[in-house]
Amino acid sequence: IYDRVEVLKGATGLLTGAGSLGATINLVRKKPTREFAASVEAGAG
């Protein structure tokens, strides 16, 4: 369901409010498109 994952490393208080010193993980969800699009993915392992 995600379009991309952004990882901001280092102290996060400057940009994301109070937080730990390690990093912030931002999961960005997929957004609708103005044109029709569809896909099906199947896999086995």
All heavy atoms as atom14 arrays in JSON, in Angstrom:
{
  "sequence": "IYDRVEVLKGATGLLTGAGSLGATINLVRKKPTREFAASVEAGAG",
  "atom14_mask": [
    [1, 1, 1, 1, 1, 1, 1, 1, 0, 0, 0, 0, 0, 0],
    [1, 1, 1, 1, 1, 1, 1, 1, 1, 1, 1, 1, 0, 0],
    [1, 1, 1, 1, 1, 1, 1, 1, 0, 0, 0, 0, 0, 0],
    [1, 1, 1, 1, 1, 1, 1, 1, 1, 1, 1, 0, 0, 0],
    [1, 1, 1, 1, 1, 1, 1, 0, 0, 0, 0, 0, 0, 0],
    [1, 1, 1, 1, 1, 1, 1, 1, 1, 0, 0, 0, 0, 0],
    [1, 1, 1, 1, 1, 1, 1, 0, 0, 0, 0, 0, 0, 0],
    [1, 1, 1, 1, 1, 1, 1, 1, 0, 0, 0, 0, 0, 0],
    [1, 1, 1, 1, 1, 1, 1, 1, 1, 0, 0, 0, 0, 0],
    [1, 1, 1, 1, 0, 0, 0, 0, 0, 0, 0, 0, 0, 0],
    [1, 1, 1, 1, 1, 0, 0, 0, 0, 0, 0, 0, 0, 0],
    [1, 1, 1, 1, 1, 1, 1, 0, 0, 0, 0, 0, 0, 0],
    [1, 1, 1, 1, 0, 0, 0, 0, 0, 0, 0, 0, 0, 0],
    [1, 1, 1, 1, 1, 1, 1, 1, 0, 0, 0, 0, 0, 0],
    [1, 1, 1, 1, 1, 1, 1, 1, 0, 0, 0, 0, 0, 0],
    [1, 1, 1, 1, 1, 1, 1, 0, 0, 0, 0, 0, 0, 0],
    [1, 1, 1, 1, 0, 0, 0, 0, 0, 0, 0, 0, 0, 0],
    [1, 1, 1, 1, 1, 0, 0, 0, 0, 0, 0, 0, 0, 0],
    [1, 1, 1, 1, 0, 0, 0, 0, 0, 0, 0, 0, 0, 0],
    [1, 1, 1, 1, 1, 1, 0, 0, 0, 0, 0, 0, 0, 0],
    [1, 1, 1, 1, 1, 1, 1, 1, 0, 0, 0, 0, 0, 0],
    [1, 1, 1, 1, 0, 0, 0, 0, 0, 0, 0, 0, 0, 0],
    [1, 1, 1, 1, 1, 0, 0, 0, 0, 0, 0, 0, 0, 0],
    [1, 1, 1, 1, 1, 1, 1, 0, 0, 0, 0, 0, 0, 0],
    [1, 1, 1, 1, 1, 1, 1, 1, 0, 0, 0, 0, 0, 0],
    [1, 1, 1, 1, 1, 1, 1, 1, 0, 0, 0, 0, 0, 0],
    [1, 1, 1, 1, 1, 1, 1, 1, 0, 0, 0, 0, 0, 0],
    [1, 1, 1, 1, 1, 1, 1, 0, 0, 0, 0, 0, 0, 0],
    [1, 1, 1, 1, 1, 1, 1, 1, 1, 1, 1, 0, 0, 0],
    [1, 1, 1, 1, 1, 1, 1, 1, 1, 0, 0, 0, 0, 0],
    [1, 1, 1, 1, 1, 1, 1, 1, 1, 0, 0, 0, 0, 0],
    [1, 1, 1, 1, 1, 1, 1, 0, 0, 0, 0, 0, 0, 0],
    [1, 1, 1, 1, 1, 1, 1, 0, 0, 0, 0, 0, 0, 0],
    [1, 1, 1, 1, 1, 1, 1, 1, 1, 1, 1, 0, 0, 0],
    [1, 1, 1, 1, 1, 1, 1, 1, 1, 0, 0, 0, 0, 0],
    [1, 1, 1, 1, 1, 1, 1, 1, 1, 1, 1, 0, 0, 0],
    [1, 1, 1, 1, 1, 0, 0, 0, 0, 0, 0, 0, 0, 0],
    [1, 1, 1, 1, 1, 0, 0, 0, 0, 0, 0, 0, 0, 0],
    [1, 1, 1, 1, 1, 1, 0, 0, 0, 0, 0, 0, 0, 0],
    [1, 1, 1, 1, 1, 1, 1, 0, 0, 0, 0, 0, 0, 0],
    [1, 1, 1, 1, 1, 1, 1, 1, 1, 0, 0, 0, 0, 0],
    [1, 1, 1, 1, 1, 0, 0, 0, 0, 0, 0, 0, 0, 0],
    [1, 1, 1, 1, 0, 0, 0, 0, 0, 0, 0, 0, 0, 0],
    [1, 1, 1, 1, 1, 0, 0, 0, 0, 0, 0, 0, 0, 0],
    [1, 1, 1, 1, 0, 0, 0, 0, 0, 0, 0, 0, 0, 0]
  ],
  "atom14_positions": [
    [[0.82, -1.22, 0.0], [0.0, 0.0, 0.0], [0.85, 1.27, 0.0], [0.29, 2.37, -0.03], [-0.97, 0.01, 1.2], [-0.21, 0.27, 2.5], [-1.76, -1.27, 1.28], [-1.13, 0.48, 3.71], [0.0, 0.0, 0.0], [0.0, 0.0, 0.0], [0.0, 0.0, 0.0], [0.0, 0.0, 0.0], [0.0, 0.0, 0.0], [0.0, 0.0, 0.0]],
    [[2.17, 1.14, 0.01], [3.02, 2.32, 0.14], [3.72, 2.66, -1.17], [4.16, 1.78, -1.92], [4.06, 2.1, 1.24], [3.44, 1.94, 2.6], [3.41, 0.7, 3.23], [2.84, 3.02, 3.25], [2.81, 0.54, 4.47], [2.25, 2.87, 4.49], [2.22, 1.63, 5.09], [1.62, 1.47, 6.32], [0.0, 0.0, 0.0], [0.0, 0.0, 0.0]],
    [[3.85, 3.97, -1.42], [4.54, 4.45, -2.62], [6.04, 4.55, -2.39], [6.83, 4.29, -3.31], [3.98, 5.82, -3.0], [4.68, 6.42, -4.2], [4.49, 5.9, -5.31], [5.44, 7.41, -4.02], [0.0, 0.0, 0.0], [0.0, 0.0, 0.0], [0.0, 0.0, 0.0], [0.0, 0.0, 0.0], [0.0, 0.0, 0.0], [0.0, 0.0, 0.0]],
    [[6.44, 4.91, -1.19], [7.87, 5.03, -0.87], [8.04, 5.09, 0.65], [7.07, 5.29, 1.39], [8.48, 6.29, -1.5], [7.91, 7.6, -0.97], [8.46, 8.8, -1.74], [7.98, 10.07, -1.18], [6.8, 10.62, -1.48], [5.99, 10.01, -2.33], [6.45, 11.77, -0.94], [0.0, 0.0, 0.0], [0.0, 0.0, 0.0], [0.0, 0.0, 0.0]],
    [[9.27, 4.92, 1.09], [9.62, 5.03, 2.5], [10.76, 6.03, 2.63], [11.8, 5.88, 1.96], [10.03, 3.67, 3.1], [10.41, 3.83, 4.57], [8.9, 2.65, 2.95], [0.0, 0.0, 0.0], [0.0, 0.0, 0.0], [0.0, 0.0, 0.0], [0.0, 0.0, 0.0], [0.0, 0.0, 0.0], [0.0, 0.0, 0.0], [0.0, 0.0, 0.0]],
    [[10.57, 7.04, 3.46], [11.59, 8.07, 3.68], [12.18, 7.9, 5.08], [11.43, 7.75, 6.05], [10.97, 9.46, 3.54], [10.3, 9.69, 2.2], [9.45, 10.96, 2.17], [9.13, 11.49, 3.26], [9.11, 11.42, 1.06], [0.0, 0.0, 0.0], [0.0, 0.0, 0.0], [0.0, 0.0, 0.0], [0.0, 0.0, 0.0], [0.0, 0.0, 0.0]],
    [[13.49, 7.92, 5.17], [14.17, 7.76, 6.47], [15.05, 8.99, 6.7], [16.01, 9.23, 5.96], [15.01, 6.48, 6.51], [15.69, 6.33, 7.87], [14.14, 5.26, 6.21], [0.0, 0.0, 0.0], [0.0, 0.0, 0.0], [0.0, 0.0, 0.0], [0.0, 0.0, 0.0], [0.0, 0.0, 0.0], [0.0, 0.0, 0.0], [0.0, 0.0, 0.0]],
    [[14.7, 9.76, 7.71], [15.48, 10.93, 8.12], [16.36, 10.51, 9.29], [15.87, 10.18, 10.37], [14.55, 12.07, 8.54], [15.22, 13.31, 9.15], [16.05, 14.03, 8.09], [14.17, 14.25, 9.74], [0.0, 0.0, 0.0], [0.0, 0.0, 0.0], [0.0, 0.0, 0.0], [0.0, 0.0, 0.0], [0.0, 0.0, 0.0], [0.0, 0.0, 0.0]],
    [[17.66, 10.51, 9.06], [18.59, 10.02, 10.1], [19.17, 11.17, 10.91], [19.46, 12.24, 10.37], [19.72, 9.21, 9.44], [19.28, 7.8, 9.05], [20.26, 7.13, 8.12], [20.08, 7.62, 6.69], [20.89, 6.89, 5.73], [0.0, 0.0, 0.0], [0.0, 0.0, 0.0], [0.0, 0.0, 0.0], [0.0, 0.0, 0.0], [0.0, 0.0, 0.0]],
    [[19.34, 10.92, 12.2], [19.85, 11.94, 13.11], [18.76, 12.45, 14.02], [17.62, 11.98, 14.01], [0.0, 0.0, 0.0], [0.0, 0.0, 0.0], [0.0, 0.0, 0.0], [0.0, 0.0, 0.0], [0.0, 0.0, 0.0], [0.0, 0.0, 0.0], [0.0, 0.0, 0.0], [0.0, 0.0, 0.0], [0.0, 0.0, 0.0], [0.0, 0.0, 0.0]],
    [[19.08, 13.42, 14.87], [18.12, 14.0, 15.81], [16.93, 14.56, 15.05], [17.09, 15.31, 14.09], [18.79, 15.08, 16.64], [0.0, 0.0, 0.0], [0.0, 0.0, 0.0], [0.0, 0.0, 0.0], [0.0, 0.0, 0.0], [0.0, 0.0, 0.0], [0.0, 0.0, 0.0], [0.0, 0.0, 0.0], [0.0, 0.0, 0.0], [0.0, 0.0, 0.0]],
    [[15.72, 14.21, 15.48], [14.53, 14.55, 14.7], [13.77, 15.75, 15.25], [12.77, 16.15, 14.66], [13.57, 13.34, 14.68], [13.23, 13.0, 16.04], [14.23, 12.16, 14.01], [0.0, 0.0, 0.0], [0.0, 0.0, 0.0], [0.0, 0.0, 0.0], [0.0, 0.0, 0.0], [0.0, 0.0, 0.0], [0.0, 0.0, 0.0], [0.0, 0.0, 0.0]],
    [[14.2, 16.31, 16.35], [13.46, 17.41, 16.95], [13.32, 18.62, 16.05], [12.35, 19.35, 16.13], [0.0, 0.0, 0.0], [0.0, 0.0, 0.0], [0.0, 0.0, 0.0], [0.0, 0.0, 0.0], [0.0, 0.0, 0.0], [0.0, 0.0, 0.0], [0.0, 0.0, 0.0], [0.0, 0.0, 0.0], [0.0, 0.0, 0.0], [0.0, 0.0, 0.0]],
    [[14.29, 18.86, 15.17], [14.27, 20.03, 14.31], [13.1, 20.01, 13.33], [12.49, 21.04, 13.04], [15.59, 20.13, 13.54], [15.72, 21.29, 12.53], [15.66, 22.62, 13.26], [17.01, 21.15, 11.74], [0.0, 0.0, 0.0], [0.0, 0.0, 0.0], [0.0, 0.0, 0.0], [0.0, 0.0, 0.0], [0.0, 0.0, 0.0], [0.0, 0.0, 0.0]],
    [[12.77, 18.82, 12.82], [11.79, 18.74, 11.74], [10.52, 17.98, 12.1], [9.49, 18.17, 11.45], [12.43, 18.06, 10.51], [13.66, 18.78, 9.93], [14.26, 17.97, 8.81], [13.28, 20.17, 9.43], [0.0, 0.0, 0.0], [0.0, 0.0, 0.0], [0.0, 0.0, 0.0], [0.0, 0.0, 0.0], [0.0, 0.0, 0.0], [0.0, 0.0, 0.0]],
    [[10.55, 17.11, 13.09], [9.39, 16.26, 13.36], [8.9, 16.36, 14.8], [8.11, 15.53, 15.23], [9.71, 14.78, 13.05], [10.75, 14.32, 13.94], [10.16, 14.62, 11.62], [0.0, 0.0, 0.0], [0.0, 0.0, 0.0], [0.0, 0.0, 0.0], [0.0, 0.0, 0.0], [0.0, 0.0, 0.0], [0.0, 0.0, 0.0], [0.0, 0.0, 0.0]],
    [[9.36, 17.32, 15.55], [8.95, 17.41, 16.95], [9.83, 16.54, 17.82], [10.82, 15.98, 17.38], [0.0, 0.0, 0.0], [0.0, 0.0, 0.0], [0.0, 0.0, 0.0], [0.0, 0.0, 0.0], [0.0, 0.0, 0.0], [0.0, 0.0, 0.0], [0.0, 0.0, 0.0], [0.0, 0.0, 0.0], [0.0, 0.0, 0.0], [0.0, 0.0, 0.0]],
    [[9.45, 16.42, 19.08], [10.25, 15.63, 20.02], [10.36, 14.19, 19.54], [9.4, 13.6, 19.06], [9.62, 15.68, 21.41], [0.0, 0.0, 0.0], [0.0, 0.0, 0.0], [0.0, 0.0, 0.0], [0.0, 0.0, 0.0], [0.0, 0.0, 0.0], [0.0, 0.0, 0.0], [0.0, 0.0, 0.0], [0.0, 0.0, 0.0], [0.0, 0.0, 0.0]],
    [[11.54, 13.63, 19.67], [11.74, 12.26, 19.23], [13.11, 11.77, 19.61], [13.9, 12.46, 20.25], [0.0, 0.0, 0.0], [0.0, 0.0, 0.0], [0.0, 0.0, 0.0], [0.0, 0.0, 0.0], [0.0, 0.0, 0.0], [0.0, 0.0, 0.0], [0.0, 0.0, 0.0], [0.0, 0.0, 0.0], [0.0, 0.0, 0.0], [0.0, 0.0, 0.0]],
    [[13.41, 10.54, 19.21], [14.69, 9.93, 19.55], [15.79, 10.46, 18.64], [15.55, 11.14, 17.65], [14.58, 8.4, 19.42], [14.34, 8.06, 18.07], [0.0, 0.0, 0.0], [0.0, 0.0, 0.0], [0.0, 0.0, 0.0], [0.0, 0.0, 0.0], [0.0, 0.0, 0.0], [0.0, 0.0, 0.0], [0.0, 0.0, 0.0], [0.0, 0.0, 0.0]],
    [[17.01, 10.11, 18.98], [18.17, 10.6, 18.24], [18.5, 9.75, 17.02], [19.36, 10.13, 16.23], [19.38, 10.64, 19.17], [19.26, 11.56, 20.4], [20.5, 11.42, 21.28], [19.05, 12.99, 19.99], [0.0, 0.0, 0.0], [0.0, 0.0, 0.0], [0.0, 0.0, 0.0], [0.0, 0.0, 0.0], [0.0, 0.0, 0.0], [0.0, 0.0, 0.0]],
    [[17.86, 8.58, 16.89], [18.24, 7.68, 15.8], [17.77, 8.13, 14.44], [18.56, 8.55, 13.6], [0.0, 0.0, 0.0], [0.0, 0.0, 0.0], [0.0, 0.0, 0.0], [0.0, 0.0, 0.0], [0.0, 0.0, 0.0], [0.0, 0.0, 0.0], [0.0, 0.0, 0.0], [0.0, 0.0, 0.0], [0.0, 0.0, 0.0], [0.0, 0.0, 0.0]],
    [[16.47, 8.08, 14.22], [15.92, 8.43, 12.9], [14.41, 8.47, 12.99], [13.81, 8.04, 13.98], [16.36, 7.42, 11.85], [0.0, 0.0, 0.0], [0.0, 0.0, 0.0], [0.0, 0.0, 0.0], [0.0, 0.0, 0.0], [0.0, 0.0, 0.0], [0.0, 0.0, 0.0], [0.0, 0.0, 0.0], [0.0, 0.0, 0.0], [0.0, 0.0, 0.0]],
    [[13.79, 8.96, 11.93], [12.34, 8.9, 11.76], [12.04, 8.17, 10.46], [12.65, 8.45, 9.43], [11.72, 10.3, 11.72], [11.85, 10.92, 13.0], [10.25, 10.24, 11.37], [0.0, 0.0, 0.0], [0.0, 0.0, 0.0], [0.0, 0.0, 0.0], [0.0, 0.0, 0.0], [0.0, 0.0, 0.0], [0.0, 0.0, 0.0], [0.0, 0.0, 0.0]],
    [[11.1, 7.22, 10.52], [10.69, 6.46, 9.34], [9.31, 6.95, 8.92], [8.35, 6.89, 9.69], [10.64, 4.95, 9.65], [12.03, 4.45, 10.06], [10.13, 4.17, 8.45], [12.04, 3.03, 10.59], [0.0, 0.0, 0.0], [0.0, 0.0, 0.0], [0.0, 0.0, 0.0], [0.0, 0.0, 0.0], [0.0, 0.0, 0.0], [0.0, 0.0, 0.0]],
    [[9.22, 7.47, 7.7], [7.97, 8.0, 7.16], [7.49, 7.09, 6.03], [8.15, 6.99, 5.0], [8.16, 9.43, 6.65], [6.87, 10.03, 6.13], [5.78, 9.7, 6.61], [6.98, 10.91, 5.14], [0.0, 0.0, 0.0], [0.0, 0.0, 0.0], [0.0, 0.0, 0.0], [0.0, 0.0, 0.0], [0.0, 0.0, 0.0], [0.0, 0.0, 0.0]],
    [[6.36, 6.43, 6.23], [5.77, 5.57, 5.21], [4.71, 6.35, 4.46], [3.72, 6.8, 5.05], [5.16, 4.31, 5.84], [6.18, 3.36, 6.5], [6.24, 3.62, 8.01], [5.82, 1.91, 6.24], [0.0, 0.0, 0.0], [0.0, 0.0, 0.0], [0.0, 0.0, 0.0], [0.0, 0.0, 0.0], [0.0, 0.0, 0.0], [0.0, 0.0, 0.0]],
    [[4.93, 6.54, 3.15], [4.04, 7.36, 2.32], [3.14, 6.44, 1.5], [3.61, 5.65, 0.67], [4.85, 8.28, 1.39], [3.91, 9.14, 0.55], [5.8, 9.15, 2.2], [0.0, 0.0, 0.0], [0.0, 0.0, 0.0], [0.0, 0.0, 0.0], [0.0, 0.0, 0.0], [0.0, 0.0, 0.0], [0.0, 0.0, 0.0], [0.0, 0.0, 0.0]],
    [[1.84, 6.53, 1.74], [0.88, 5.66, 1.08], [0.66, 6.04, -0.39], [0.9, 7.18, -0.78], [-0.45, 5.67, 1.83], [-0.35, 5.15, 3.26], [-1.7, 5.16, 3.96], [-2.24, 6.51, 4.04], [-3.44, 6.79, 4.56], [-4.2, 5.8, 5.01], [-3.88, 8.04, 4.62], [0.0, 0.0, 0.0], [0.0, 0.0, 0.0], [0.0, 0.0, 0.0]],
    [[0.21, 5.09, -1.18], [-0.11, 5.33, -2.58], [-1.28, 6.3, -2.68], [-2.17, 6.33, -1.84], [-0.46, 4.02, -3.28], [0.71, 3.06, -3.43], [0.26, 1.77, -4.09], [1.45, 0.85, -4.33], [1.0, -0.44, -4.93], [0.0, 0.0, 0.0], [0.0, 0.0, 0.0], [0.0, 0.0, 0.0], [0.0, 0.0, 0.0], [0.0, 0.0, 0.0]],
    [[-1.28, 7.1, -3.74], [-2.33, 8.08, -3.98], [-3.07, 7.74, -5.28], [-2.51, 7.13, -6.2], [-1.73, 9.48, -4.07], [-0.97, 9.92, -2.82], [-1.88, 9.98, -1.6], [-1.19, 10.61, -0.4], [-0.08, 9.77, 0.1], [0.0, 0.0, 0.0], [0.0, 0.0, 0.0], [0.0, 0.0, 0.0], [0.0, 0.0, 0.0], [0.0, 0.0, 0.0]],
    [[-4.33, 8.16, -5.39], [-5.09, 7.92, -6.63], [-4.49, 8.68, -7.81], [-3.87, 9.74, -7.64], [-6.49, 8.43, -6.31], [-6.56, 8.51, -4.82], [-5.15, 8.8, -4.36], [0.0, 0.0, 0.0], [0.0, 0.0, 0.0], [0.0, 0.0, 0.0], [0.0, 0.0, 0.0], [0.0, 0.0, 0.0], [0.0, 0.0, 0.0], [0.0, 0.0, 0.0]],
    [[-4.69, 8.16, -9.01], [-4.21, 8.8, -10.23], [-5.39, 9.35, -11.02], [-6.53, 8.9, -10.88], [-3.44, 7.8, -11.1], [-4.29, 6.67, -11.39], [-2.21, 7.29, -10.36], [0.0, 0.0, 0.0], [0.0, 0.0, 0.0], [0.0, 0.0, 0.0], [0.0, 0.0, 0.0], [0.0, 0.0, 0.0], [0.0, 0.0, 0.0], [0.0, 0.0, 0.0]],
    [[-5.13, 10.34, -11.88], [-6.18, 10.96, -12.68], [-6.59, 10.1, -13.86], [-7.63, 10.34, -14.49], [-5.73, 12.34, -13.16], [-5.56, 13.35, -12.03], [-5.17, 14.72, -12.56], [-5.06, 15.69, -11.47], [-6.08, 16.4, -11.0], [-7.28, 16.25, -11.55], [-5.91, 17.26, -10.02], [0.0, 0.0, 0.0], [0.0, 0.0, 0.0], [0.0, 0.0, 0.0]],
    [[-5.78, 9.11, -14.19], [-6.11, 8.19, -15.26], [-6.25, 6.78, -14.69], [-5.61, 6.43, -13.69], [-5.04, 8.22, -16.35], [-4.9, 9.58, -17.02], [-3.81, 9.56, -18.09], [-3.12, 8.52, -18.21], [-3.66, 10.57, -18.79], [0.0, 0.0, 0.0], [0.0, 0.0, 0.0], [0.0, 0.0, 0.0], [0.0, 0.0, 0.0], [0.0, 0.0, 0.0]],
    [[-7.08, 5.97, -15.35], [-7.3, 4.61, -14.86], [-6.01, 3.79, -14.96], [-5.29, 3.84, -15.96], [-8.39, 3.92, -15.68], [-8.62, 2.48, -15.28], [-9.39, 2.18, -14.18], [-8.04, 1.46, -16.01], [-9.59, 0.86, -13.8], [-8.23, 0.14, -15.65], [-9.01, -0.16, -14.53], [0.0, 0.0, 0.0], [0.0, 0.0, 0.0], [0.0, 0.0, 0.0]],
    [[-5.72, 3.05, -13.91], [-4.56, 2.16, -13.9], [-4.87, 0.96, -13.01], [-5.54, 1.12, -11.97], [-3.32, 2.88, -13.39], [0.0, 0.0, 0.0], [0.0, 0.0, 0.0], [0.0, 0.0, 0.0], [0.0, 0.0, 0.0], [0.0, 0.0, 0.0], [0.0, 0.0, 0.0], [0.0, 0.0, 0.0], [0.0, 0.0, 0.0], [0.0, 0.0, 0.0]],
    [[-4.43, -0.2, -13.42], [-4.68, -1.4, -12.64], [-3.53, -2.38, -12.83], [-2.91, -2.43, -13.89], [-6.0, -2.06, -13.05], [0.0, 0.0, 0.0], [0.0, 0.0, 0.0], [0.0, 0.0, 0.0], [0.0, 0.0, 0.0], [0.0, 0.0, 0.0], [0.0, 0.0, 0.0], [0.0, 0.0, 0.0], [0.0, 0.0, 0.0], [0.0, 0.0, 0.0]],
    [[-3.25, -3.14, -11.79], [-2.19, -4.15, -11.89], [-2.5, -5.29, -10.93], [-3.17, -5.11, -9.91], [-0.82, -3.54, -11.54], [-0.78, -3.12, -10.19], [0.0, 0.0, 0.0], [0.0, 0.0, 0.0], [0.0, 0.0, 0.0], [0.0, 0.0, 0.0], [0.0, 0.0, 0.0], [0.0, 0.0, 0.0], [0.0, 0.0, 0.0], [0.0, 0.0, 0.0]],
    [[-2.01, -6.47, -11.32], [-2.12, -7.66, -10.48], [-0.74, -8.3, -10.41], [-0.08, -8.48, -11.44], [-3.15, -8.66, -11.02], [-3.15, -9.93, -10.17], [-4.54, -8.05, -11.06], [0.0, 0.0, 0.0], [0.0, 0.0, 0.0], [0.0, 0.0, 0.0], [0.0, 0.0, 0.0], [0.0, 0.0, 0.0], [0.0, 0.0, 0.0], [0.0, 0.0, 0.0]],
    [[-0.31, -8.62, -9.21], [1.0, -9.23, -9.01], [0.83, -10.54, -8.26], [0.12, -10.61, -7.26], [1.88, -8.29, -8.19], [3.18, -8.9, -7.7], [3.85, -8.05, -6.62], [3.58, -6.83, -6.59], [4.6, -8.62, -5.8], [0.0, 0.0, 0.0], [0.0, 0.0, 0.0], [0.0, 0.0, 0.0], [0.0, 0.0, 0.0], [0.0, 0.0, 0.0]],
    [[1.45, -11.58, -8.77], [1.42, -12.88, -8.11], [2.83, -13.41, -8.01], [3.67, -13.18, -8.9], [0.54, -13.86, -8.89], [0.0, 0.0, 0.0], [0.0, 0.0, 0.0], [0.0, 0.0, 0.0], [0.0, 0.0, 0.0], [0.0, 0.0, 0.0], [0.0, 0.0, 0.0], [0.0, 0.0, 0.0], [0.0, 0.0, 0.0], [0.0, 0.0, 0.0]],
    [[3.13, -14.07, -6.92], [4.48, -14.59, -6.73], [4.49, -15.83, -5.85], [3.54, -16.09, -5.1], [0.0, 0.0, 0.0], [0.0, 0.0, 0.0], [0.0, 0.0, 0.0], [0.0, 0.0, 0.0], [0.0, 0.0, 0.0], [0.0, 0.0, 0.0], [0.0, 0.0, 0.0], [0.0, 0.0, 0.0], [0.0, 0.0, 0.0], [0.0, 0.0, 0.0]],
    [[5.56, -16.58, -5.98], [5.75, -17.78, -5.17], [7.23, -17.92, -4.88], [8.08, -17.46, -5.65], [5.22, -19.02, -5.89], [0.0, 0.0, 0.0], [0.0, 0.0, 0.0], [0.0, 0.0, 0.0], [0.0, 0.0, 0.0], [0.0, 0.0, 0.0], [0.0, 0.0, 0.0], [0.0, 0.0, 0.0], [0.0, 0.0, 0.0], [0.0, 0.0, 0.0]],
    [[7.53, -18.55, -3.76], [8.93, -18.7, -3.38], [9.16, -19.93, -2.52], [8.27, -20.79, -2.39], [0.0, 0.0, 0.0], [0.0, 0.0, 0.0], [0.0, 0.0, 0.0], [0.0, 0.0, 0.0], [0.0, 0.0, 0.0], [0.0, 0.0, 0.0], [0.0, 0.0, 0.0], [0.0, 0.0, 0.0], [0.0, 0.0, 0.0], [0.0, 0.0, 0.0]]
  ]
}
